[in-house]
Amino acid sequence: MSNQPTDEQKQRRAEASRQNGRKSKGPVSLAGKYRSSMNAITTGQHVELHKEDLPSFYNLLSLDDREDYVRSIQAHYRKFKPDSEVEQGYVRRMVSEMFSFDRNTSLYTRAMQEEIDTVLREYPDIDVDTLFLNGNKRSITQKELLRTIERNKKAHLAAYEKLMKLLAQSRKLFPLQPPEPVDISADTKTLEDPGPTPEVVAELLALADQAKKEPSFVPPAYVLNFLEDKDFMQRLAPNYDVEDLLVRFGRVKPPIAA
């Protein structure tokens, strides 16, 4: 018996995928919308790595959540209360290791989720238990990736635990009386997401302009996500008229006639 889906099954699956796509509103947060907008930039010439005045030993990639990192630093300072620059160095490194551990945990989850999503696209009517089972089966093909992620998690956790022991030993063997003033201004600074560069904004608005001029042109979803964020537009393109486009593509309801 053939396991190939029939034409009718293929049509049902395609229609289910289209319906699911219509339900998606895309990223919700400002940072998420910015990251989504970057997906269309393929040349790399418009992407700029923003460098803030971060503390030593920071561990941030361009797409990491800066606020999460700073919150982790603040939480560690409240917990361990470093009383010298040496202890501060241990704590900063601990944050770096734990942040890397969490990043790898997210990578593992993302890899598993992609396999589950693939199964769901192929078999939209499948029950949850079978979906989870088949998603895990498919993830076996990525065993080297998953094994590497797990090794990284163990390494970062071990490094975190070792640094915590070094901090405790330092306090026990070399107590500092009175405590040394510790400058934490860089660590406690709230870091704002810098948003897209002017070049990226110009590229997004160029696609919006094309949609205005060509009724048959449908801009990518990330462009509409960008246009419908009022705070974002007010900050980056305050004089750009987006109302007609948002109404045309169903992002806002048309005004009620008087």
Protein backbone atom coordinates (compact mmCIF):
# COMPACT_ATOMS: atom_id res chain seq x y z
CA MET A 1 0.00 0.00 0.00
CA SER A 2 1.42 3.39 -1.01
CA ASN A 3 2.11 5.96 1.69
CA GLN A 4 1.99 8.82 -0.82
CA PRO A 5 -0.78 11.33 -0.07
CA THR A 6 -3.61 11.64 -2.55
CA ASP A 7 -4.30 14.85 -4.46
CA GLU A 8 -7.25 15.50 -2.17
CA GLN A 9 -5.05 15.14 0.93
CA LYS A 10 -2.46 17.47 -0.58
CA GLN A 11 -5.14 20.09 -1.25
CA ARG A 12 -6.44 19.80 2.33
CA ARG A 13 -2.97 20.24 3.75
CA ALA A 14 -2.23 23.21 1.52
CA GLU A 15 -5.50 24.87 2.54
CA ALA A 16 -4.76 24.21 6.24
CA SER A 17 -1.33 25.83 5.82
CA ARG A 18 -2.88 28.87 4.15
CA GLN A 19 -5.42 29.24 6.95
CA ASN A 20 -2.73 28.98 9.60
CA GLY A 21 -0.70 31.60 7.75
CA ARG A 22 -3.64 34.00 7.78
CA LYS A 23 -3.95 33.64 11.55
CA SER A 24 -0.33 34.59 12.15
CA LYS A 25 0.18 38.22 13.18
CA GLY A 26 3.95 37.94 13.14
CA PRO A 27 6.21 39.20 15.92
CA VAL A 28 4.52 41.22 18.66
CA SER A 29 7.37 42.99 20.44
CA LEU A 30 9.35 45.82 18.95
CA ALA A 31 12.55 43.79 19.11
CA GLY A 32 10.81 40.86 17.46
CA LYS A 33 9.55 43.00 14.61
CA TYR A 34 13.01 44.45 14.07
CA ARG A 35 14.58 41.00 14.00
CA SER A 36 11.87 39.84 11.61
CA SER A 37 12.56 42.81 9.36
CA MET A 38 16.21 41.81 9.16
CA ASN A 39 15.25 38.45 7.63
CA ALA A 40 14.87 40.08 4.23
CA ILE A 41 18.33 41.64 4.24
CA THR A 42 20.47 39.11 2.41
CA THR A 43 23.48 41.10 1.25
CA GLY A 44 24.80 41.99 4.70
CA GLN A 45 25.78 45.50 3.60
CA HIS A 46 22.89 47.10 5.51
CA VAL A 47 23.44 45.22 8.76
CA GLU A 48 25.37 47.13 11.41
CA LEU A 49 26.49 45.66 14.72
CA HIS A 50 25.47 48.15 17.41
CA LYS A 51 28.01 48.38 20.23
CA GLU A 52 26.81 49.80 23.50
CA ASP A 53 28.88 50.69 26.52
CA LEU A 54 28.58 47.23 28.01
CA PRO A 55 30.36 45.84 31.06
CA SER A 56 33.43 43.67 30.73
CA PHE A 57 32.87 40.01 29.90
CA TYR A 58 29.56 40.69 28.21
CA ASN A 59 28.29 37.92 25.99
CA LEU A 60 25.87 39.32 23.42
CA LEU A 61 25.26 38.53 19.80
CA SER A 62 23.52 41.10 17.60
CA LEU A 63 20.12 39.38 18.01
CA ASP A 64 20.31 38.73 21.75
CA ASP A 65 17.99 40.51 24.17
CA ARG A 66 20.11 43.20 25.80
CA GLU A 67 17.58 43.86 28.56
CA ASP A 68 17.58 40.19 29.56
CA TYR A 69 21.34 40.33 29.87
CA VAL A 70 21.30 43.43 32.05
CA ARG A 71 18.51 41.99 34.22
CA SER A 72 20.64 38.89 34.77
CA ILE A 73 23.61 41.05 35.83
CA GLN A 74 21.44 43.02 38.24
CA ALA A 75 19.96 39.83 39.72
CA HIS A 76 23.43 38.36 40.24
CA TYR A 77 24.66 41.55 41.93
CA ARG A 78 21.69 41.49 44.31
CA LYS A 79 22.38 37.85 45.13
CA PHE A 80 26.19 37.82 45.45
CA LYS A 81 26.91 41.47 46.36
CA PRO A 82 30.53 41.68 45.11
CA ASP A 83 32.67 43.86 47.37
CA SER A 84 35.75 44.18 45.15
CA GLU A 85 36.64 44.36 41.47
CA VAL A 86 37.94 40.79 41.66
CA GLU A 87 34.59 39.52 42.93
CA GLN A 88 32.82 41.67 40.37
CA GLY A 89 34.84 39.93 37.67
CA TYR A 90 33.74 36.51 38.92
CA VAL A 91 30.08 37.60 38.92
CA ARG A 92 30.27 39.07 35.42
CA ARG A 93 31.78 35.86 34.10
CA MET A 94 29.07 33.84 35.85
CA VAL A 95 26.41 35.89 34.05
CA SER A 96 28.17 35.29 30.74
CA GLU A 97 28.22 31.51 31.28
CA MET A 98 24.57 31.33 32.37
CA PHE A 99 23.49 33.49 29.44
CA SER A 100 25.29 31.09 27.09
CA PHE A 101 23.62 28.15 28.81
CA ASP A 102 20.18 29.71 28.29
CA ARG A 103 20.98 30.51 24.65
CA ASN A 104 21.85 26.86 23.99
CA THR A 105 18.67 25.74 25.73
CA SER A 106 16.71 27.98 23.36
CA LEU A 107 18.60 26.54 20.38
CA TYR A 108 17.66 23.01 21.42
CA THR A 109 14.01 23.99 21.78
CA ARG A 110 14.06 25.73 18.40
CA ALA A 111 15.55 22.69 16.67
CA MET A 112 12.87 20.44 18.14
CA GLN A 113 10.09 22.90 17.30
CA GLU A 114 11.15 23.10 13.65
CA GLU A 115 10.86 19.33 13.30
CA ILE A 116 7.41 19.34 14.92
CA ASP A 117 6.30 22.19 12.63
CA THR A 118 7.50 20.23 9.59
CA VAL A 119 5.38 17.24 10.60
CA LEU A 120 2.37 19.47 11.21
CA ARG A 121 2.68 21.09 7.77
CA GLU A 122 2.74 17.68 6.13
CA TYR A 123 0.00 16.15 8.29
CA PRO A 124 -2.24 18.94 9.61
CA ASP A 125 -4.87 16.51 10.96
CA ILE A 126 -2.45 14.49 13.09
CA ASP A 127 -3.16 14.10 16.82
CA VAL A 128 -0.89 15.78 19.37
CA ASP A 129 0.78 12.62 20.72
CA THR A 130 1.62 11.32 17.25
CA LEU A 131 2.80 14.79 16.25
CA PHE A 132 5.20 14.94 19.20
CA LEU A 133 6.42 11.39 18.55
CA ASN A 134 7.14 11.99 14.87
CA GLY A 135 8.76 15.34 15.61
CA ASN A 136 11.16 13.60 17.99
CA LYS A 137 11.84 10.87 15.43
CA ARG A 138 12.80 13.47 12.85
CA SER A 139 15.04 15.26 15.31
CA ILE A 140 17.21 12.13 15.44
CA THR A 141 18.52 13.12 12.01
CA GLN A 142 19.98 16.19 13.73
CA LYS A 143 21.66 14.16 16.45
CA GLU A 144 25.05 15.79 15.91
CA LEU A 145 23.56 19.27 16.28
CA LEU A 146 21.60 18.31 19.39
CA ARG A 147 24.61 16.51 20.87
CA THR A 148 26.76 19.60 20.35
CA ILE A 149 24.16 21.83 21.99
CA GLU A 150 23.96 19.50 25.00
CA ARG A 151 27.76 19.47 25.32
CA ASN A 152 27.80 23.26 25.25
CA LYS A 153 25.12 23.43 27.96
CA LYS A 154 27.11 21.13 30.23
CA ALA A 155 30.29 23.12 29.65
CA HIS A 156 28.66 26.47 30.45
CA LEU A 157 26.93 25.08 33.55
CA ALA A 158 30.19 23.56 34.80
CA ALA A 159 31.99 26.87 34.23
CA TYR A 160 29.26 28.74 36.12
CA GLU A 161 29.53 26.37 39.09
CA LYS A 162 33.33 26.64 39.11
CA LEU A 163 33.20 30.44 39.10
CA MET A 164 30.73 30.38 41.99
CA LYS A 165 33.15 28.22 44.00
CA LEU A 166 36.04 30.56 43.14
CA LEU A 167 33.98 33.50 44.35
CA ALA A 168 33.23 31.73 47.64
CA GLN A 169 36.90 30.77 48.11
CA SER A 170 38.05 34.32 47.37
CA ARG A 171 35.74 35.68 50.07
CA LYS A 172 36.86 33.08 52.58
CA LEU A 173 40.61 33.26 51.98
CA PHE A 174 40.97 36.95 51.17
CA PRO A 175 38.25 38.93 52.95
CA LEU A 176 38.39 42.61 52.12
CA GLN A 177 37.80 44.93 55.08
CA PRO A 178 36.37 47.41 54.54
CA PRO A 179 34.70 46.49 51.24
CA GLU A 180 36.16 48.14 48.16
CA PRO A 181 33.92 50.56 46.23
CA VAL A 182 32.68 48.79 43.10
CA ASP A 183 31.60 50.75 40.01
CA ILE A 184 28.50 49.03 38.59
CA SER A 185 27.26 51.88 36.40
CA ALA A 186 27.95 50.03 33.15
CA ASP A 187 26.31 46.86 34.44
CA THR A 188 23.09 48.49 35.60
CA LYS A 189 22.57 50.71 32.58
CA THR A 190 19.35 49.89 30.77
CA LEU A 191 20.22 49.08 27.18
CA GLU A 192 17.67 50.06 24.58
CA ASP A 193 17.23 48.09 21.41
CA PRO A 194 18.87 50.35 18.82
CA GLY A 195 16.35 49.38 16.16
CA PRO A 196 17.16 49.07 12.46
CA THR A 197 19.74 51.27 10.81
CA PRO A 198 18.62 54.16 8.54
CA GLU A 199 19.54 52.00 5.54
CA VAL A 200 17.20 49.23 6.67
CA VAL A 201 14.39 51.73 7.35
CA ALA A 202 14.88 53.20 3.86
CA GLU A 203 14.68 49.74 2.32
CA LEU A 204 11.46 48.94 4.20
CA LEU A 205 9.86 52.23 3.19
CA ALA A 206 10.93 51.68 -0.43
CA LEU A 207 8.93 48.44 -0.44
CA ALA A 208 5.98 50.30 1.09
CA ASP A 209 6.27 52.96 -1.63
CA GLN A 210 6.24 50.25 -4.28
CA ALA A 211 3.01 48.87 -2.81
CA LYS A 212 1.48 52.34 -2.94
CA LYS A 213 2.42 52.83 -6.60
CA GLU A 214 1.69 49.29 -7.83
CA PRO A 215 -1.73 47.95 -6.74
CA SER A 216 -0.71 44.42 -7.72
CA PHE A 217 2.40 44.44 -5.53
CA VAL A 218 1.99 42.80 -2.11
CA PRO A 219 4.76 43.79 0.33
CA PRO A 220 6.26 41.09 2.56
CA ALA A 221 4.64 40.58 5.96
CA TYR A 222 7.65 42.00 7.81
CA VAL A 223 7.12 45.34 6.02
CA LEU A 224 3.50 45.50 7.18
CA ASN A 225 4.58 44.52 10.71
CA PHE A 226 6.98 47.45 10.61
CA LEU A 227 4.37 49.90 9.29
CA GLU A 228 1.65 49.01 11.81
CA ASP A 229 3.85 49.63 14.86
CA LYS A 230 2.83 53.20 15.76
CA ASP A 231 5.62 53.82 18.27
CA PHE A 232 8.20 52.46 15.86
CA MET A 233 6.96 54.60 12.96
CA GLN A 234 6.70 57.70 15.14
CA ARG A 235 10.34 57.29 16.12
CA LEU A 236 11.80 56.30 12.74
CA ALA A 237 9.50 57.75 10.06
CA PRO A 238 7.03 60.14 11.75
CA ASN A 239 5.81 61.80 8.53
CA TYR A 240 5.21 58.63 6.52
CA ASP A 241 1.51 57.96 5.74
CA VAL A 242 0.68 54.29 6.30
CA GLU A 243 -3.07 54.34 6.90
CA ASP A 244 -4.22 53.44 3.38
CA LEU A 245 -1.74 50.57 3.11
CA LEU A 246 -2.73 49.11 6.48
CA VAL A 247 -6.41 49.27 5.55
CA ARG A 248 -5.76 47.78 2.11
CA PHE A 249 -3.96 44.76 3.54
CA GLY A 250 -6.33 44.20 6.44
CA ARG A 251 -4.02 45.36 9.24
CA VAL A 252 -6.52 47.97 10.48
CA LYS A 253 -10.24 48.35 9.99
CA PRO A 254 -11.34 51.02 7.48
CA PRO A 255 -12.86 54.17 9.05
CA ILE A 256 -16.62 54.12 9.41
CA ALA A 257 -18.31 56.57 7.03
CA ALA A 258 -20.20 59.40 8.66
